[in-house]
N, C-alpha and C. Protein backbone atom coordinates (compact mmCIF):
# COMPACT_ATOMS: atom_id res chain seq x y z
N MET A 1 -6.66 8.51 3.48
CA MET A 1 -5.61 8.32 4.49
C MET A 1 -4.38 9.11 4.08
N GLU A 2 -3.81 9.84 5.01
CA GLU A 2 -2.63 10.66 4.73
C GLU A 2 -1.37 9.96 5.20
N TYR A 3 -0.29 10.16 4.47
CA TYR A 3 1.02 9.61 4.82
C TYR A 3 1.50 10.24 6.13
N THR A 4 1.87 9.42 7.11
CA THR A 4 2.39 9.93 8.38
C THR A 4 3.83 10.37 8.20
N LYS A 5 4.13 11.61 8.50
CA LYS A 5 5.49 12.13 8.34
C LYS A 5 6.35 11.73 9.54
N GLY A 6 7.53 11.18 9.23
CA GLY A 6 8.43 10.75 10.28
C GLY A 6 8.90 11.88 11.17
N SER A 7 8.99 13.09 10.61
CA SER A 7 9.49 14.23 11.39
C SER A 7 8.53 14.61 12.52
N GLU A 8 7.30 14.10 12.47
CA GLU A 8 6.35 14.35 13.55
C GLU A 8 6.67 13.51 14.78
N ILE A 9 7.47 12.45 14.59
CA ILE A 9 7.79 11.53 15.68
C ILE A 9 9.29 11.41 15.90
N ARG A 10 10.04 11.27 14.82
CA ARG A 10 11.49 11.08 14.92
C ARG A 10 12.19 12.37 15.31
N LYS A 11 13.27 12.22 16.07
CA LYS A 11 14.09 13.38 16.44
C LYS A 11 15.54 13.06 16.11
N SER A 12 16.19 13.95 15.35
CA SER A 12 17.60 13.76 15.01
C SER A 12 18.47 14.43 16.06
N ASP A 13 19.68 13.91 16.25
CA ASP A 13 20.62 14.50 17.20
C ASP A 13 21.26 15.77 16.66
N TYR A 14 21.31 15.89 15.33
CA TYR A 14 21.84 17.07 14.66
C TYR A 14 20.80 17.54 13.66
N PRO A 15 20.74 18.84 13.38
CA PRO A 15 19.71 19.33 12.46
C PRO A 15 19.90 18.78 11.04
N ILE A 16 18.85 18.15 10.50
CA ILE A 16 18.84 17.67 9.11
C ILE A 16 17.51 18.05 8.47
N HIS A 17 17.43 17.90 7.18
CA HIS A 17 16.22 18.28 6.45
C HIS A 17 15.06 17.35 6.81
N ASP A 18 13.87 17.92 6.99
CA ASP A 18 12.69 17.11 7.31
C ASP A 18 12.41 16.05 6.26
N LEU A 19 12.75 16.31 5.00
CA LEU A 19 12.53 15.34 3.93
C LEU A 19 13.15 13.99 4.29
N ILE A 20 14.31 14.02 4.95
CA ILE A 20 15.01 12.79 5.32
C ILE A 20 14.31 12.12 6.51
N LEU A 21 13.94 12.90 7.51
CA LEU A 21 13.24 12.34 8.67
C LEU A 21 11.85 11.85 8.30
N ASP A 22 11.21 12.50 7.34
CA ASP A 22 9.85 12.11 6.96
C ASP A 22 9.78 10.73 6.34
N ARG A 23 10.84 10.33 5.61
CA ARG A 23 10.81 9.06 4.89
C ARG A 23 10.92 7.88 5.85
N TRP A 24 10.02 6.94 5.72
CA TRP A 24 10.10 5.68 6.44
C TRP A 24 9.45 4.62 5.57
N SER A 25 9.32 3.41 6.05
CA SER A 25 8.86 2.30 5.21
C SER A 25 7.58 1.65 5.74
N PRO A 26 6.45 2.34 5.60
CA PRO A 26 5.20 1.71 6.02
C PRO A 26 4.83 0.53 5.12
N ARG A 27 3.90 -0.27 5.59
CA ARG A 27 3.40 -1.40 4.80
C ARG A 27 1.91 -1.26 4.47
N ALA A 28 1.19 -0.46 5.23
CA ALA A 28 -0.26 -0.35 5.05
C ALA A 28 -0.57 0.45 3.80
N MET A 29 -1.18 -0.22 2.82
CA MET A 29 -1.55 0.42 1.56
C MET A 29 -3.01 0.14 1.25
N SER A 30 -3.62 1.04 0.50
CA SER A 30 -5.06 1.01 0.27
C SER A 30 -5.51 0.09 -0.85
N GLY A 31 -4.60 -0.29 -1.75
CA GLY A 31 -4.99 -1.06 -2.93
C GLY A 31 -5.34 -0.19 -4.11
N ASP A 32 -5.36 1.14 -3.91
CA ASP A 32 -5.63 2.06 -5.02
C ASP A 32 -4.48 2.03 -6.01
N SER A 33 -4.79 2.31 -7.25
CA SER A 33 -3.76 2.27 -8.29
C SER A 33 -2.86 3.50 -8.21
N ILE A 34 -1.66 3.34 -8.74
CA ILE A 34 -0.70 4.42 -8.90
C ILE A 34 -0.72 4.80 -10.38
N SER A 35 -0.94 6.07 -10.67
CA SER A 35 -0.99 6.49 -12.07
C SER A 35 0.39 6.42 -12.71
N GLN A 36 0.42 6.32 -14.02
CA GLN A 36 1.70 6.30 -14.72
C GLN A 36 2.46 7.60 -14.49
N ASP A 37 1.75 8.71 -14.40
CA ASP A 37 2.40 9.99 -14.14
C ASP A 37 3.06 10.01 -12.76
N GLU A 38 2.36 9.52 -11.74
CA GLU A 38 2.94 9.44 -10.40
C GLU A 38 4.19 8.56 -10.40
N LEU A 39 4.09 7.42 -11.08
CA LEU A 39 5.21 6.50 -11.12
C LEU A 39 6.42 7.09 -11.84
N MET A 40 6.17 7.76 -12.95
CA MET A 40 7.27 8.36 -13.70
C MET A 40 7.95 9.49 -12.91
N ARG A 41 7.21 10.15 -12.04
CA ARG A 41 7.83 11.16 -11.17
C ARG A 41 8.85 10.51 -10.23
N LEU A 42 8.53 9.31 -9.75
CA LEU A 42 9.47 8.58 -8.89
C LEU A 42 10.73 8.21 -9.67
N PHE A 43 10.55 7.70 -10.87
CA PHE A 43 11.70 7.31 -11.68
C PHE A 43 12.49 8.53 -12.16
N GLU A 44 11.83 9.64 -12.35
CA GLU A 44 12.53 10.88 -12.69
C GLU A 44 13.45 11.30 -11.54
N ALA A 45 12.97 11.15 -10.32
CA ALA A 45 13.82 11.45 -9.16
C ALA A 45 15.03 10.53 -9.13
N ALA A 46 14.82 9.25 -9.40
CA ALA A 46 15.92 8.28 -9.44
C ALA A 46 16.93 8.67 -10.52
N ARG A 47 16.44 9.18 -11.62
CA ARG A 47 17.30 9.58 -12.74
C ARG A 47 18.39 10.56 -12.33
N TRP A 48 18.10 11.42 -11.39
CA TRP A 48 19.02 12.50 -11.02
C TRP A 48 19.95 12.14 -9.86
N ALA A 49 20.05 10.87 -9.54
CA ALA A 49 20.95 10.43 -8.48
C ALA A 49 22.40 10.61 -8.90
N PRO A 50 23.32 10.81 -7.93
CA PRO A 50 24.74 10.88 -8.27
C PRO A 50 25.21 9.55 -8.83
N SER A 51 26.18 9.61 -9.74
CA SER A 51 26.65 8.40 -10.41
C SER A 51 28.13 8.52 -10.75
N SER A 52 28.91 7.54 -10.34
CA SER A 52 30.34 7.51 -10.64
C SER A 52 30.56 7.49 -12.16
N SER A 53 31.35 8.45 -12.65
CA SER A 53 31.63 8.59 -14.09
C SER A 53 30.36 8.73 -14.92
N ASN A 54 29.27 9.09 -14.28
CA ASN A 54 27.96 9.25 -14.91
C ASN A 54 27.51 8.00 -15.67
N ILE A 55 27.88 6.83 -15.15
CA ILE A 55 27.50 5.56 -15.80
C ILE A 55 26.01 5.26 -15.64
N GLN A 56 25.43 5.68 -14.53
CA GLN A 56 24.00 5.49 -14.26
C GLN A 56 23.61 4.01 -14.40
N PRO A 57 24.13 3.14 -13.52
CA PRO A 57 23.92 1.70 -13.68
C PRO A 57 22.57 1.18 -13.24
N TRP A 58 21.73 2.02 -12.65
CA TRP A 58 20.45 1.55 -12.14
C TRP A 58 19.46 1.28 -13.27
N ARG A 59 18.65 0.25 -13.05
CA ARG A 59 17.55 -0.09 -13.95
C ARG A 59 16.37 -0.50 -13.07
N PHE A 60 15.17 -0.19 -13.52
CA PHE A 60 13.96 -0.58 -12.80
C PHE A 60 13.05 -1.35 -13.76
N VAL A 61 12.49 -2.44 -13.28
CA VAL A 61 11.47 -3.19 -14.00
C VAL A 61 10.24 -3.17 -13.09
N TYR A 62 9.06 -2.91 -13.64
CA TYR A 62 7.90 -2.73 -12.77
C TYR A 62 6.64 -3.33 -13.34
N ALA A 63 5.62 -3.44 -12.49
CA ALA A 63 4.30 -3.91 -12.88
C ALA A 63 3.24 -3.17 -12.09
N HIS A 64 2.21 -2.70 -12.80
CA HIS A 64 1.04 -2.11 -12.14
C HIS A 64 0.12 -3.23 -11.65
N LYS A 65 -0.56 -2.98 -10.53
CA LYS A 65 -1.47 -3.98 -9.98
C LYS A 65 -2.54 -4.40 -10.98
N ASP A 66 -3.02 -3.45 -11.75
CA ASP A 66 -4.08 -3.77 -12.71
C ASP A 66 -3.53 -4.09 -14.10
N GLY A 67 -2.23 -4.38 -14.18
CA GLY A 67 -1.60 -4.64 -15.47
C GLY A 67 -1.32 -6.12 -15.71
N GLU A 68 -0.86 -6.43 -16.89
CA GLU A 68 -0.67 -7.82 -17.30
C GLU A 68 0.50 -8.52 -16.60
N TYR A 69 1.43 -7.79 -16.02
CA TYR A 69 2.62 -8.39 -15.42
C TYR A 69 2.53 -8.58 -13.91
N TRP A 70 1.43 -8.12 -13.31
CA TRP A 70 1.32 -8.11 -11.86
C TRP A 70 1.54 -9.50 -11.25
N ASP A 71 0.87 -10.51 -11.75
CA ASP A 71 0.96 -11.85 -11.16
C ASP A 71 2.39 -12.38 -11.18
N LYS A 72 3.12 -12.06 -12.23
CA LYS A 72 4.51 -12.50 -12.33
C LYS A 72 5.35 -11.87 -11.21
N PHE A 73 5.18 -10.57 -10.98
CA PHE A 73 5.94 -9.88 -9.94
C PHE A 73 5.48 -10.33 -8.55
N PHE A 74 4.18 -10.41 -8.36
CA PHE A 74 3.63 -10.81 -7.06
C PHE A 74 4.11 -12.20 -6.68
N GLY A 75 4.23 -13.09 -7.66
CA GLY A 75 4.68 -14.46 -7.43
C GLY A 75 6.13 -14.58 -7.01
N LEU A 76 6.90 -13.51 -7.17
CA LEU A 76 8.31 -13.51 -6.74
C LEU A 76 8.45 -13.31 -5.24
N LEU A 77 7.45 -12.71 -4.62
CA LEU A 77 7.54 -12.31 -3.21
C LEU A 77 7.45 -13.50 -2.26
N SER A 78 8.09 -13.35 -1.10
CA SER A 78 7.94 -14.34 -0.04
C SER A 78 6.49 -14.34 0.43
N GLU A 79 6.11 -15.40 1.09
CA GLU A 79 4.73 -15.52 1.58
C GLU A 79 4.40 -14.36 2.53
N PHE A 80 5.34 -14.00 3.40
CA PHE A 80 5.12 -12.89 4.32
C PHE A 80 4.85 -11.59 3.56
N ASN A 81 5.70 -11.27 2.58
CA ASN A 81 5.52 -10.02 1.84
C ASN A 81 4.25 -10.02 0.99
N GLN A 82 3.81 -11.18 0.56
CA GLN A 82 2.55 -11.24 -0.19
C GLN A 82 1.37 -10.83 0.67
N THR A 83 1.46 -11.05 2.00
CA THR A 83 0.32 -10.74 2.86
C THR A 83 -0.01 -9.25 2.90
N TRP A 84 0.98 -8.40 2.68
CA TRP A 84 0.71 -6.96 2.70
C TRP A 84 0.90 -6.30 1.33
N CYS A 85 1.68 -6.89 0.44
CA CYS A 85 1.89 -6.30 -0.89
C CYS A 85 0.69 -6.47 -1.81
N ASN A 86 -0.28 -7.27 -1.40
CA ASN A 86 -1.49 -7.41 -2.21
C ASN A 86 -2.23 -6.09 -2.33
N ASN A 87 -1.92 -5.11 -1.47
CA ASN A 87 -2.55 -3.79 -1.55
C ASN A 87 -1.65 -2.73 -2.19
N ALA A 88 -0.51 -3.13 -2.73
CA ALA A 88 0.36 -2.18 -3.43
C ALA A 88 -0.26 -1.83 -4.79
N GLY A 89 0.10 -0.66 -5.28
CA GLY A 89 -0.35 -0.26 -6.63
C GLY A 89 0.66 -0.63 -7.69
N VAL A 90 1.93 -0.73 -7.28
CA VAL A 90 3.03 -1.07 -8.20
C VAL A 90 4.04 -1.92 -7.43
N LEU A 91 4.60 -2.90 -8.12
CA LEU A 91 5.77 -3.62 -7.64
C LEU A 91 6.90 -3.38 -8.63
N ALA A 92 8.11 -3.17 -8.11
CA ALA A 92 9.25 -2.90 -8.97
C ALA A 92 10.46 -3.69 -8.48
N VAL A 93 11.38 -3.92 -9.39
CA VAL A 93 12.65 -4.56 -9.06
C VAL A 93 13.76 -3.60 -9.46
N LEU A 94 14.68 -3.35 -8.53
CA LEU A 94 15.83 -2.49 -8.79
C LEU A 94 17.03 -3.35 -9.18
N LEU A 95 17.66 -2.99 -10.29
CA LEU A 95 18.83 -3.69 -10.80
C LEU A 95 20.02 -2.74 -10.84
N ALA A 96 21.23 -3.30 -10.86
CA ALA A 96 22.45 -2.50 -10.98
C ALA A 96 23.39 -3.19 -11.96
N LYS A 97 23.71 -2.51 -13.06
CA LYS A 97 24.61 -3.07 -14.07
C LYS A 97 26.03 -3.07 -13.54
N LYS A 98 26.69 -4.23 -13.62
CA LYS A 98 28.00 -4.41 -13.01
C LYS A 98 29.13 -3.77 -13.80
N THR A 99 28.89 -3.47 -15.06
CA THR A 99 29.96 -2.94 -15.92
C THR A 99 29.51 -1.67 -16.63
N ASP A 100 30.49 -0.92 -17.15
CA ASP A 100 30.14 0.25 -17.95
C ASP A 100 29.87 -0.16 -19.39
N ASP A 101 29.66 0.80 -20.27
CA ASP A 101 29.30 0.50 -21.66
C ASP A 101 30.42 -0.19 -22.42
N ASN A 102 31.65 -0.12 -21.91
CA ASN A 102 32.79 -0.78 -22.55
C ASN A 102 33.10 -2.14 -21.93
N GLY A 103 32.25 -2.60 -21.01
CA GLY A 103 32.46 -3.89 -20.38
C GLY A 103 33.42 -3.88 -19.21
N LYS A 104 33.87 -2.71 -18.80
CA LYS A 104 34.80 -2.59 -17.67
C LYS A 104 34.00 -2.63 -16.37
N GLU A 105 34.56 -3.30 -15.35
CA GLU A 105 33.89 -3.41 -14.05
C GLU A 105 33.61 -2.02 -13.47
N ASN A 106 32.41 -1.85 -12.98
CA ASN A 106 32.02 -0.63 -12.29
C ASN A 106 31.90 -0.96 -10.80
N ARG A 107 32.93 -0.64 -10.04
CA ARG A 107 32.95 -0.97 -8.61
C ARG A 107 31.86 -0.23 -7.83
N ASN A 108 31.32 0.82 -8.41
CA ASN A 108 30.33 1.65 -7.70
C ASN A 108 28.89 1.36 -8.12
N HIS A 109 28.67 0.26 -8.82
CA HIS A 109 27.32 0.03 -9.35
C HIS A 109 26.27 -0.10 -8.25
N LEU A 110 26.62 -0.72 -7.14
CA LEU A 110 25.63 -0.90 -6.07
C LEU A 110 25.38 0.40 -5.30
N SER A 111 26.44 1.16 -5.04
CA SER A 111 26.23 2.42 -4.31
C SER A 111 25.45 3.41 -5.18
N ASP A 112 25.72 3.43 -6.48
CA ASP A 112 24.96 4.31 -7.37
C ASP A 112 23.49 3.90 -7.45
N ALA A 113 23.23 2.59 -7.54
CA ALA A 113 21.84 2.12 -7.55
C ALA A 113 21.16 2.46 -6.23
N GLY A 114 21.92 2.38 -5.14
CA GLY A 114 21.37 2.76 -3.83
C GLY A 114 21.00 4.23 -3.78
N ALA A 115 21.81 5.07 -4.43
CA ALA A 115 21.49 6.50 -4.47
C ALA A 115 20.21 6.74 -5.27
N ALA A 116 20.04 6.00 -6.37
CA ALA A 116 18.81 6.13 -7.17
C ALA A 116 17.60 5.68 -6.37
N TRP A 117 17.78 4.58 -5.63
CA TRP A 117 16.70 4.08 -4.77
C TRP A 117 16.31 5.12 -3.73
N GLU A 118 17.31 5.75 -3.10
CA GLU A 118 17.01 6.75 -2.07
C GLU A 118 16.27 7.94 -2.68
N ASN A 119 16.70 8.39 -3.85
CA ASN A 119 15.99 9.49 -4.51
C ASN A 119 14.53 9.12 -4.75
N LEU A 120 14.30 7.91 -5.24
CA LEU A 120 12.94 7.45 -5.51
C LEU A 120 12.13 7.41 -4.21
N ALA A 121 12.74 6.88 -3.15
CA ALA A 121 12.04 6.77 -1.86
C ALA A 121 11.71 8.14 -1.28
N LEU A 122 12.64 9.08 -1.37
CA LEU A 122 12.39 10.43 -0.86
C LEU A 122 11.29 11.13 -1.67
N GLN A 123 11.33 10.95 -2.99
CA GLN A 123 10.30 11.56 -3.84
C GLN A 123 8.93 10.97 -3.49
N GLY A 124 8.87 9.67 -3.33
CA GLY A 124 7.60 9.03 -2.97
C GLY A 124 7.07 9.53 -1.65
N SER A 125 7.95 9.65 -0.67
CA SER A 125 7.55 10.17 0.64
C SER A 125 7.01 11.59 0.51
N SER A 126 7.70 12.43 -0.29
CA SER A 126 7.26 13.81 -0.46
C SER A 126 5.90 13.90 -1.15
N MET A 127 5.54 12.86 -1.91
CA MET A 127 4.25 12.81 -2.60
C MET A 127 3.17 12.14 -1.76
N GLY A 128 3.53 11.71 -0.54
CA GLY A 128 2.56 11.05 0.33
C GLY A 128 2.31 9.61 -0.03
N LEU A 129 3.24 8.96 -0.73
CA LEU A 129 3.09 7.57 -1.13
C LEU A 129 3.85 6.65 -0.19
N VAL A 130 3.40 5.42 -0.11
CA VAL A 130 4.15 4.37 0.57
C VAL A 130 5.18 3.84 -0.43
N VAL A 131 6.44 3.80 -0.01
CA VAL A 131 7.52 3.23 -0.82
C VAL A 131 8.34 2.34 0.11
N HIS A 132 8.31 1.04 -0.13
CA HIS A 132 8.91 0.08 0.80
C HIS A 132 9.81 -0.90 0.05
N GLY A 133 11.10 -0.89 0.36
CA GLY A 133 12.04 -1.82 -0.24
C GLY A 133 12.02 -3.16 0.49
N MET A 134 12.27 -4.24 -0.26
CA MET A 134 12.16 -5.59 0.31
C MET A 134 13.28 -6.50 -0.16
N ALA A 135 13.73 -7.36 0.75
CA ALA A 135 14.67 -8.42 0.39
C ALA A 135 13.98 -9.78 0.32
N GLY A 136 12.74 -9.86 0.77
CA GLY A 136 12.01 -11.12 0.81
C GLY A 136 11.35 -11.47 -0.51
N TYR A 137 12.14 -12.05 -1.42
CA TYR A 137 11.64 -12.49 -2.72
C TYR A 137 12.62 -13.51 -3.28
N ASN A 138 12.22 -14.22 -4.32
CA ASN A 138 13.05 -15.25 -4.93
C ASN A 138 13.92 -14.63 -6.02
N VAL A 139 15.21 -14.46 -5.73
CA VAL A 139 16.13 -13.78 -6.65
C VAL A 139 16.30 -14.56 -7.94
N GLU A 140 16.50 -15.87 -7.84
CA GLU A 140 16.73 -16.69 -9.03
C GLU A 140 15.50 -16.68 -9.94
N LYS A 141 14.34 -16.77 -9.33
CA LYS A 141 13.09 -16.74 -10.10
C LYS A 141 12.92 -15.37 -10.77
N ALA A 142 13.29 -14.30 -10.06
CA ALA A 142 13.20 -12.95 -10.64
C ALA A 142 14.10 -12.85 -11.86
N ARG A 143 15.32 -13.35 -11.76
CA ARG A 143 16.25 -13.28 -12.89
C ARG A 143 15.68 -14.01 -14.11
N GLU A 144 15.12 -15.19 -13.85
CA GLU A 144 14.59 -16.00 -14.95
C GLU A 144 13.32 -15.40 -15.55
N GLU A 145 12.35 -15.08 -14.69
CA GLU A 145 11.04 -14.66 -15.20
C GLU A 145 11.05 -13.24 -15.77
N LEU A 146 11.94 -12.39 -15.26
CA LEU A 146 12.00 -11.01 -15.77
C LEU A 146 13.10 -10.84 -16.82
N LYS A 147 13.74 -11.96 -17.17
CA LYS A 147 14.76 -11.96 -18.23
C LYS A 147 15.92 -10.99 -17.95
N ILE A 148 16.44 -11.07 -16.72
CA ILE A 148 17.51 -10.16 -16.27
C ILE A 148 18.87 -10.79 -16.61
N PRO A 149 19.70 -10.11 -17.41
CA PRO A 149 21.01 -10.67 -17.77
C PRO A 149 21.92 -10.82 -16.56
N GLU A 150 22.91 -11.70 -16.68
CA GLU A 150 23.86 -11.96 -15.59
C GLU A 150 24.72 -10.75 -15.27
N ASP A 151 24.80 -9.80 -16.20
CA ASP A 151 25.62 -8.61 -15.98
C ASP A 151 24.95 -7.60 -15.04
N TYR A 152 23.81 -7.97 -14.48
CA TYR A 152 23.08 -7.09 -13.57
C TYR A 152 22.90 -7.78 -12.22
N ASP A 153 23.21 -7.06 -11.14
CA ASP A 153 22.84 -7.50 -9.80
C ASP A 153 21.39 -7.13 -9.56
N ILE A 154 20.65 -8.02 -8.92
CA ILE A 154 19.29 -7.71 -8.50
C ILE A 154 19.40 -7.17 -7.08
N VAL A 155 19.08 -5.90 -6.90
CA VAL A 155 19.31 -5.23 -5.63
C VAL A 155 18.19 -5.51 -4.63
N HIS A 156 16.97 -5.18 -4.99
CA HIS A 156 15.81 -5.50 -4.15
C HIS A 156 14.51 -5.20 -4.89
N MET A 157 13.41 -5.62 -4.27
CA MET A 157 12.08 -5.29 -4.79
C MET A 157 11.53 -4.10 -4.02
N ILE A 158 10.57 -3.43 -4.64
CA ILE A 158 9.97 -2.23 -4.05
C ILE A 158 8.46 -2.31 -4.21
N ALA A 159 7.75 -2.06 -3.12
CA ALA A 159 6.29 -1.92 -3.17
C ALA A 159 5.95 -0.44 -3.09
N ILE A 160 5.05 0.00 -3.96
CA ILE A 160 4.63 1.40 -4.02
C ILE A 160 3.11 1.44 -3.95
N GLY A 161 2.57 2.30 -3.10
CA GLY A 161 1.12 2.37 -3.00
C GLY A 161 0.64 3.62 -2.30
N LYS A 162 -0.67 3.73 -2.22
CA LYS A 162 -1.31 4.82 -1.49
C LYS A 162 -1.47 4.37 -0.04
N PRO A 163 -1.25 5.27 0.92
CA PRO A 163 -1.31 4.88 2.33
C PRO A 163 -2.72 4.48 2.79
N ALA A 164 -2.74 3.64 3.81
CA ALA A 164 -4.00 3.21 4.42
C ALA A 164 -3.80 3.10 5.93
N ASP A 165 -4.89 2.95 6.66
CA ASP A 165 -4.81 2.75 8.10
C ASP A 165 -4.13 1.41 8.39
N LYS A 166 -3.42 1.34 9.50
CA LYS A 166 -2.66 0.12 9.83
C LYS A 166 -3.56 -1.09 10.04
N GLU A 167 -4.86 -0.86 10.23
CA GLU A 167 -5.78 -1.97 10.45
C GLU A 167 -5.91 -2.89 9.23
N VAL A 168 -5.44 -2.45 8.07
CA VAL A 168 -5.48 -3.33 6.89
C VAL A 168 -4.42 -4.43 7.00
N LEU A 169 -3.48 -4.27 7.92
CA LEU A 169 -2.39 -5.23 8.10
C LEU A 169 -2.77 -6.29 9.14
N HIS A 170 -2.08 -7.42 9.06
CA HIS A 170 -2.21 -8.45 10.09
C HIS A 170 -1.82 -7.83 11.43
N GLU A 171 -2.45 -8.28 12.48
CA GLU A 171 -2.26 -7.68 13.82
C GLU A 171 -0.79 -7.62 14.23
N ARG A 172 -0.01 -8.65 13.90
CA ARG A 172 1.40 -8.68 14.33
C ARG A 172 2.24 -7.61 13.64
N MET A 173 1.77 -7.09 12.51
CA MET A 173 2.51 -6.04 11.79
C MET A 173 2.12 -4.64 12.22
N GLN A 174 0.99 -4.50 12.88
CA GLN A 174 0.47 -3.18 13.20
C GLN A 174 1.35 -2.42 14.19
N LYS A 175 2.03 -3.13 15.10
CA LYS A 175 2.87 -2.47 16.10
C LYS A 175 4.01 -1.69 15.47
N SER A 176 4.57 -2.20 14.39
CA SER A 176 5.71 -1.54 13.76
C SER A 176 5.29 -0.53 12.69
N GLU A 177 4.00 -0.28 12.57
CA GLU A 177 3.50 0.61 11.50
C GLU A 177 3.48 2.06 11.97
N ASN A 178 4.65 2.56 12.34
CA ASN A 178 4.82 3.98 12.64
C ASN A 178 6.30 4.32 12.51
N PRO A 179 6.61 5.56 12.14
CA PRO A 179 8.01 5.91 11.89
C PRO A 179 8.90 5.85 13.12
N GLY A 180 8.33 5.85 14.30
CA GLY A 180 9.14 5.77 15.50
C GLY A 180 9.60 4.35 15.83
N ALA A 181 9.03 3.36 15.14
CA ALA A 181 9.36 1.96 15.44
C ALA A 181 10.74 1.56 14.90
N SER A 182 11.23 2.27 13.89
CA SER A 182 12.54 1.92 13.32
C SER A 182 13.58 2.93 13.80
N THR A 183 14.25 2.57 14.90
CA THR A 183 15.26 3.46 15.46
C THR A 183 16.55 3.36 14.65
N ARG A 184 17.49 4.24 14.91
CA ARG A 184 18.76 4.26 14.19
C ARG A 184 19.92 4.28 15.20
N LYS A 185 21.06 3.71 14.77
CA LYS A 185 22.28 3.79 15.57
C LYS A 185 22.68 5.24 15.72
N LEU A 186 23.39 5.54 16.77
CA LEU A 186 23.95 6.88 16.95
C LEU A 186 25.07 7.10 15.95
N VAL A 187 25.30 8.33 15.52
CA VAL A 187 26.35 8.65 14.55
C VAL A 187 27.70 8.12 15.01
N GLY A 188 27.99 8.23 16.29
CA GLY A 188 29.26 7.77 16.83
C GLY A 188 29.50 6.27 16.72
N GLU A 189 28.44 5.49 16.42
CA GLU A 189 28.57 4.05 16.28
C GLU A 189 29.03 3.63 14.89
N PHE A 190 28.94 4.54 13.91
CA PHE A 190 29.33 4.15 12.55
C PHE A 190 30.22 5.16 11.84
N VAL A 191 30.66 6.20 12.54
CA VAL A 191 31.54 7.21 11.97
C VAL A 191 32.81 7.27 12.82
N PHE A 192 33.98 7.15 12.18
CA PHE A 192 35.25 7.11 12.89
C PHE A 192 36.26 8.04 12.23
N GLU A 193 36.91 8.85 13.01
CA GLU A 193 37.95 9.72 12.48
C GLU A 193 39.29 9.00 12.50
N GLY A 194 39.99 9.02 11.38
CA GLY A 194 41.36 8.52 11.32
C GLY A 194 41.52 7.07 10.98
N GLU A 195 40.77 6.18 11.65
CA GLU A 195 40.86 4.75 11.35
C GLU A 195 39.61 4.06 11.82
N PHE A 196 39.37 2.89 11.23
CA PHE A 196 38.18 2.11 11.55
C PHE A 196 38.26 1.54 12.97
N LYS A 197 37.11 1.52 13.65
CA LYS A 197 37.01 0.91 14.98
C LYS A 197 35.77 0.06 15.03
N GLU A 198 35.84 -1.06 15.75
CA GLU A 198 34.64 -1.90 15.94
C GLU A 198 33.73 -1.26 16.97
C-alpha cells in the first residue's frame, strides 16, 4: 500500500511546497514494523528544527510494536485510539523541557517542540509513512509510567506505521481516511495586519 499524497487532492490558495500539502494524518496502518534506521531518520529530521537560543527542548520517548515497552505505551492510549493504533509500528511521546540548562524558564519550549514535531511529520510523509499525532491518552499515567520529570510538558503521543487500505479501520473512521477530509481555515481568518481581530 502506498502513502496517499495530499497534493493529489488538496489545493492551496497560494503556491506552497508539495511537501507541506502532502502531509496529512491517516490512521490506516498495516501492522508492519518500522526499522530502527527508518525511525532514526524521523528523529534526525526533528533534530534540525529551529530552536530559540538553540536550547532544543524537545525529547522523544518511544516503543517498537515488537519491543518490550509496547504494552506500556499502548496502555496509555484512549480506547478509541487503541482501536487503530494496534497496527502502528512505533508509538512515541513528545516532551518539551520547560527550562534551559541553567534552570531559567524557556517561554518557547512548546513552539520549539512543535517545530521538531512538524519536521518529524514531514520527514515521515516524504518516506511514505503514516505519522499521526494524538491527544487521546492518559497524561498522568504517561508521566508516571515513563518516568517523565515535572520539568517537562507532555505535548502529545505519535503513532508511526506503514500505510494500509482504509478497510483495516472501523467503518466510522473510513470516511475521514483521505487528505481532503481535513479542510483548513482561509489565511484571512487567522492572519491580521496591524492588530488582532476576532
